[in-house]
Amino acid sequence: MGWPAFRAANPGVHLSLGRDSSVSEERVLLVEYPAPTKDPAGRDVQCAAEHQDWTSGRAISFHIKPTHPVKLSLSFIDRNRVAYTAWRELKGGVWQLVRIPFDEIRPNPFFQPPDAKTGAPLDVSEVKGIAFAPHDQTSGTLAPGKVVVSK
């Protein structure tokens, strides 16, 4: 996903596109997020998928640089409308590769859409986008690079 469309429901989350020459000349999404609020989805960022059929891959991968150590969640809804989420601990101040194999991602234990076909196997033949969010107790910045489906 090369950032065709992105949004945050909370106006306190500021989004822009930029570049960081220390990794490449690819565009990165700059996410400035506030301290957490009572809304559990208050720092979520949703990104549309350029390609919705992920069956050729086995994982999602991307580079990311947070300003400080942070736990990051990454979620998507599959063809069965089941919300899947994975969490990763990130180091602060450095670019790092995040790779989430499909066989390690699990249905989200905190949220499922009302029409989710829970119990159905993961079906990545139609994924309309991803969402990610920081899980820490302070404000900060994330700079994720292009999200790709990889082997």
C-alpha atoms as a PDB file:
ATOM      1  CA  MET A   1       0.000   0.000   0.000  1.00  0.00           C
ATOM      2  CA  GLY A   2       1.654   3.146  -1.196  1.00  0.00           C
ATOM      3  CA  TRP A   3      -0.769   5.370   0.728  1.00  0.00           C
ATOM      4  CA  PRO A   4      -3.507   5.891  -1.918  1.00  0.00           C
ATOM      5  CA  ALA A   5      -5.937   7.010   0.802  1.00  0.00           C
ATOM      6  CA  PHE A   6      -5.621   7.282   4.564  1.00  0.00           C
ATOM      7  CA  ARG A   7      -7.565   8.817   7.409  1.00  0.00           C
ATOM      8  CA  ALA A   8      -7.882   9.049  11.158  1.00  0.00           C
ATOM      9  CA  ALA A   9     -11.288   9.442  12.817  1.00  0.00           C
ATOM     10  CA  ASN A  10      -9.760  11.573  15.568  1.00  0.00           C
ATOM     11  CA  PRO A  11      -8.836  15.115  14.401  1.00  0.00           C
ATOM     12  CA  GLY A  12      -6.072  15.062  17.037  1.00  0.00           C
ATOM     13  CA  VAL A  13      -4.169  12.533  14.894  1.00  0.00           C
ATOM     14  CA  HIS A  14      -2.274  14.502  12.237  1.00  0.00           C
ATOM     15  CA  LEU A  15      -1.389  12.726   8.985  1.00  0.00           C
ATOM     16  CA  SER A  16       0.872  13.808   6.132  1.00  0.00           C
ATOM     17  CA  LEU A  17       3.140  12.292   3.498  1.00  0.00           C
ATOM     18  CA  GLY A  18       6.886  12.821   3.639  1.00  0.00           C
ATOM     19  CA  ARG A  19      10.232  11.278   2.737  1.00  0.00           C
ATOM     20  CA  ASP A  20      13.132  10.031   4.776  1.00  0.00           C
ATOM     21  CA  SER A  21      16.339   9.790   2.749  1.00  0.00           C
ATOM     22  CA  SER A  22      17.954   7.577   5.404  1.00  0.00           C
ATOM     23  CA  VAL A  23      15.906   4.593   4.177  1.00  0.00           C
ATOM     24  CA  SER A  24      15.040   5.394   0.572  1.00  0.00           C
ATOM     25  CA  GLU A  25      13.245   7.973  -1.434  1.00  0.00           C
ATOM     26  CA  GLU A  26       9.914   6.203  -0.959  1.00  0.00           C
ATOM     27  CA  ARG A  27       7.126   8.183   0.626  1.00  0.00           C
ATOM     28  CA  VAL A  28       6.321   7.537   4.258  1.00  0.00           C
ATOM     29  CA  LEU A  29       3.151   8.348   6.133  1.00  0.00           C
ATOM     30  CA  LEU A  30       3.911  10.726   8.999  1.00  0.00           C
ATOM     31  CA  VAL A  31       1.548  10.115  11.910  1.00  0.00           C
ATOM     32  CA  GLU A  32       1.575  12.515  14.850  1.00  0.00           C
ATOM     33  CA  TYR A  33      -0.676  11.072  17.532  1.00  0.00           C
ATOM     34  CA  PRO A  34      -1.903  12.497  20.851  1.00  0.00           C
ATOM     35  CA  ALA A  35      -1.896  10.853  24.264  1.00  0.00           C
ATOM     36  CA  PRO A  36      -4.591   8.174  24.584  1.00  0.00           C
ATOM     37  CA  THR A  37      -8.192   9.113  25.273  1.00  0.00           C
ATOM     38  CA  LYS A  38     -11.133   7.091  26.584  1.00  0.00           C
ATOM     39  CA  ASP A  39     -11.904   6.063  22.987  1.00  0.00           C
ATOM     40  CA  PRO A  40     -10.074   2.760  22.349  1.00  0.00           C
ATOM     41  CA  ALA A  41      -9.957   3.584  18.616  1.00  0.00           C
ATOM     42  CA  GLY A  42      -8.973   7.221  19.199  1.00  0.00           C
ATOM     43  CA  ARG A  43      -5.531   6.874  17.620  1.00  0.00           C
ATOM     44  CA  ASP A  44      -6.395   4.431  14.823  1.00  0.00           C
ATOM     45  CA  VAL A  45      -5.240   5.236  11.288  1.00  0.00           C
ATOM     46  CA  GLN A  46      -7.070   3.560   8.385  1.00  0.00           C
ATOM     47  CA  CYS A  47      -5.379   3.079   5.009  1.00  0.00           C
ATOM     48  CA  ALA A  48      -6.997   1.863   1.784  1.00  0.00           C
ATOM     49  CA  ALA A  49      -5.405  -1.101   0.013  1.00  0.00           C
ATOM     50  CA  GLU A  50      -4.073  -0.525  -3.508  1.00  0.00           C
ATOM     51  CA  HIS A  51      -4.440  -4.243  -4.220  1.00  0.00           C
ATOM     52  CA  GLN A  52      -7.207  -6.081  -2.384  1.00  0.00           C
ATOM     53  CA  ASP A  53      -6.330  -9.690  -3.301  1.00  0.00           C
ATOM     54  CA  TRP A  54      -3.518 -10.798  -0.983  1.00  0.00           C
ATOM     55  CA  THR A  55      -3.627 -14.527  -1.828  1.00  0.00           C
ATOM     56  CA  SER A  56      -0.239 -14.386  -3.596  1.00  0.00           C
ATOM     57  CA  GLY A  57       1.496 -13.619  -0.299  1.00  0.00           C
ATOM     58  CA  ARG A  58       2.051 -15.103   3.125  1.00  0.00           C
ATOM     59  CA  ALA A  59       2.709 -11.979   5.178  1.00  0.00           C
ATOM     60  CA  ILE A  60       2.382  -8.215   5.475  1.00  0.00           C
ATOM     61  CA  SER A  61       5.632  -6.290   5.797  1.00  0.00           C
ATOM     62  CA  PHE A  62       6.719  -2.682   6.102  1.00  0.00           C
ATOM     63  CA  HIS A  63       9.438  -0.479   7.554  1.00  0.00           C
ATOM     64  CA  ILE A  64       8.552   1.887  10.378  1.00  0.00           C
ATOM     65  CA  LYS A  65      10.276   4.410  12.610  1.00  0.00           C
ATOM     66  CA  PRO A  66       8.591   5.489  15.867  1.00  0.00           C
ATOM     67  CA  THR A  67       9.944   8.366  17.956  1.00  0.00           C
ATOM     68  CA  HIS A  68      10.059   6.173  21.073  1.00  0.00           C
ATOM     69  CA  PRO A  69       9.461   2.502  21.981  1.00  0.00           C
ATOM     70  CA  VAL A  70       5.824   1.612  21.368  1.00  0.00           C
ATOM     71  CA  LYS A  71       3.516  -1.353  20.969  1.00  0.00           C
ATOM     72  CA  LEU A  72       1.837  -1.164  17.546  1.00  0.00           C
ATOM     73  CA  SER A  73      -1.314  -2.937  16.440  1.00  0.00           C
ATOM     74  CA  LEU A  74      -2.030  -3.693  12.793  1.00  0.00           C
ATOM     75  CA  SER A  75      -5.498  -4.866  11.751  1.00  0.00           C
ATOM     76  CA  PHE A  76      -7.499  -5.719   8.663  1.00  0.00           C
ATOM     77  CA  ILE A  77     -10.895  -7.189   7.832  1.00  0.00           C
ATOM     78  CA  ASP A  78     -10.886 -10.240   5.560  1.00  0.00           C
ATOM     79  CA  ARG A  79     -13.469 -11.321   2.965  1.00  0.00           C
ATOM     80  CA  ASN A  80     -15.487 -12.982   5.758  1.00  0.00           C
ATOM     81  CA  ARG A  81     -15.659  -9.584   7.536  1.00  0.00           C
ATOM     82  CA  VAL A  82     -13.575 -10.943  10.434  1.00  0.00           C
ATOM     83  CA  ALA A  83     -11.258  -8.369  12.010  1.00  0.00           C
ATOM     84  CA  TYR A  84      -7.710  -9.711  12.412  1.00  0.00           C
ATOM     85  CA  THR A  85      -5.077  -7.991  14.549  1.00  0.00           C
ATOM     86  CA  ALA A  86      -1.400  -8.480  15.381  1.00  0.00           C
ATOM     87  CA  TRP A  87       0.731  -6.531  17.856  1.00  0.00           C
ATOM     88  CA  ARG A  88       4.454  -5.783  17.651  1.00  0.00           C
ATOM     89  CA  GLU A  89       6.850  -4.099  20.089  1.00  0.00           C
ATOM     90  CA  LEU A  90       8.869  -1.436  18.270  1.00  0.00           C
ATOM     91  CA  LYS A  91      12.180   0.203  19.198  1.00  0.00           C
ATOM     92  CA  GLY A  92      12.288   3.970  19.332  1.00  0.00           C
ATOM     93  CA  GLY A  93      14.231   6.232  16.986  1.00  0.00           C
ATOM     94  CA  VAL A  94      15.295   3.602  14.430  1.00  0.00           C
ATOM     95  CA  TRP A  95      13.937   2.195  11.197  1.00  0.00           C
ATOM     96  CA  GLN A  96      12.910  -1.437  11.571  1.00  0.00           C
ATOM     97  CA  LEU A  97      11.216  -4.071   9.465  1.00  0.00           C
ATOM     98  CA  VAL A  98       7.885  -5.395  10.689  1.00  0.00           C
ATOM     99  CA  ARG A  99       6.747  -8.674   9.118  1.00  0.00           C
ATOM    100  CA  ILE A 100       3.455 -10.258  10.133  1.00  0.00           C
ATOM    101  CA  PRO A 101       2.874 -13.730   8.663  1.00  0.00           C
ATOM    102  CA  PHE A 102      -0.776 -14.496   7.955  1.00  0.00           C
ATOM    103  CA  ASP A 103      -0.518 -17.684  10.005  1.00  0.00           C
ATOM    104  CA  GLU A 104       0.386 -15.605  13.097  1.00  0.00           C
ATOM    105  CA  ILE A 105      -2.402 -13.043  12.880  1.00  0.00           C
ATOM    106  CA  ARG A 106      -5.502 -13.773  14.952  1.00  0.00           C
ATOM    107  CA  PRO A 107      -9.105 -12.593  15.113  1.00  0.00           C
ATOM    108  CA  ASN A 108      -9.291  -9.422  17.198  1.00  0.00           C
ATOM    109  CA  PRO A 109     -10.425 -10.391  20.730  1.00  0.00           C
ATOM    110  CA  PHE A 110     -11.788  -6.884  21.448  1.00  0.00           C
ATOM    111  CA  PHE A 111     -13.833  -6.094  18.324  1.00  0.00           C
ATOM    112  CA  GLN A 112     -15.656  -7.889  15.518  1.00  0.00           C
ATOM    113  CA  PRO A 113     -18.045  -6.316  12.990  1.00  0.00           C
ATOM    114  CA  PRO A 114     -21.663  -7.415  13.551  1.00  0.00           C
ATOM    115  CA  ASP A 115     -21.691  -9.269  10.205  1.00  0.00           C
ATOM    116  CA  ALA A 116     -18.379 -11.109  10.804  1.00  0.00           C
ATOM    117  CA  LYS A 117     -18.429 -14.805   9.947  1.00  0.00           C
ATOM    118  CA  THR A 118     -16.446 -15.764  13.030  1.00  0.00           C
ATOM    119  CA  GLY A 119     -15.021 -19.257  12.906  1.00  0.00           C
ATOM    120  CA  ALA A 120     -14.435 -19.090   9.147  1.00  0.00           C
ATOM    121  CA  PRO A 121     -10.818 -19.528   8.005  1.00  0.00           C
ATOM    122  CA  LEU A 122      -8.783 -16.440   7.131  1.00  0.00           C
ATOM    123  CA  ASP A 123      -9.618 -15.320   3.572  1.00  0.00           C
ATOM    124  CA  VAL A 124      -7.288 -12.621   2.200  1.00  0.00           C
ATOM    125  CA  SER A 125      -8.807 -12.667  -1.305  1.00  0.00           C
ATOM    126  CA  GLU A 126     -10.497  -9.333  -0.543  1.00  0.00           C
ATOM    127  CA  VAL A 127      -8.877  -6.947   1.958  1.00  0.00           C
ATOM    128  CA  LYS A 128      -9.984  -3.353   1.500  1.00  0.00           C
ATOM    129  CA  GLY A 129      -7.374  -1.821   3.794  1.00  0.00           C
ATOM    130  CA  ILE A 130      -5.453  -1.903   7.029  1.00  0.00           C
ATOM    131  CA  ALA A 131      -5.584  -0.001  10.280  1.00  0.00           C
ATOM    132  CA  PHE A 132      -2.804   0.567  12.754  1.00  0.00           C
ATOM    133  CA  ALA A 133      -2.501   2.260  16.116  1.00  0.00           C
ATOM    134  CA  PRO A 134       0.063   2.952  18.823  1.00  0.00           C
ATOM    135  CA  HIS A 135      -0.556   1.466  22.268  1.00  0.00           C
ATOM    136  CA  ASP A 136       1.371   3.581  24.736  1.00  0.00           C
ATOM    137  CA  GLN A 137       0.557   6.231  27.328  1.00  0.00           C
ATOM    138  CA  THR A 138       2.000   9.292  25.620  1.00  0.00           C
ATOM    139  CA  SER A 139       1.896  11.244  22.374  1.00  0.00           C
ATOM    140  CA  GLY A 140       4.406  10.521  19.628  1.00  0.00           C
ATOM    141  CA  THR A 141       5.153  10.089  15.955  1.00  0.00           C
ATOM    142  CA  LEU A 142       5.180   7.050  13.671  1.00  0.00           C
ATOM    143  CA  ALA A 143       6.614   6.963  10.161  1.00  0.00           C
ATOM    144  CA  PRO A 144       5.535   3.776   8.368  1.00  0.00           C
ATOM    145  CA  GLY A 145       6.740   3.077   4.861  1.00  0.00           C
ATOM    146  CA  LYS A 146       4.860   1.255   2.132  1.00  0.00           C
ATOM    147  CA  VAL A 147       2.962  -1.809   3.339  1.00  0.00           C
ATOM    148  CA  VAL A 148       3.430  -4.801   1.051  1.00  0.00           C
ATOM    149  CA  VAL A 149       2.146  -8.342   0.870  1.00  0.00           C
ATOM    150  CA  SER A 150       5.204 -10.592   0.779  1.00  0.00           C
ATOM    151  CA  LYS A 151       6.042 -14.283   0.397  1.00  0.00           C
END
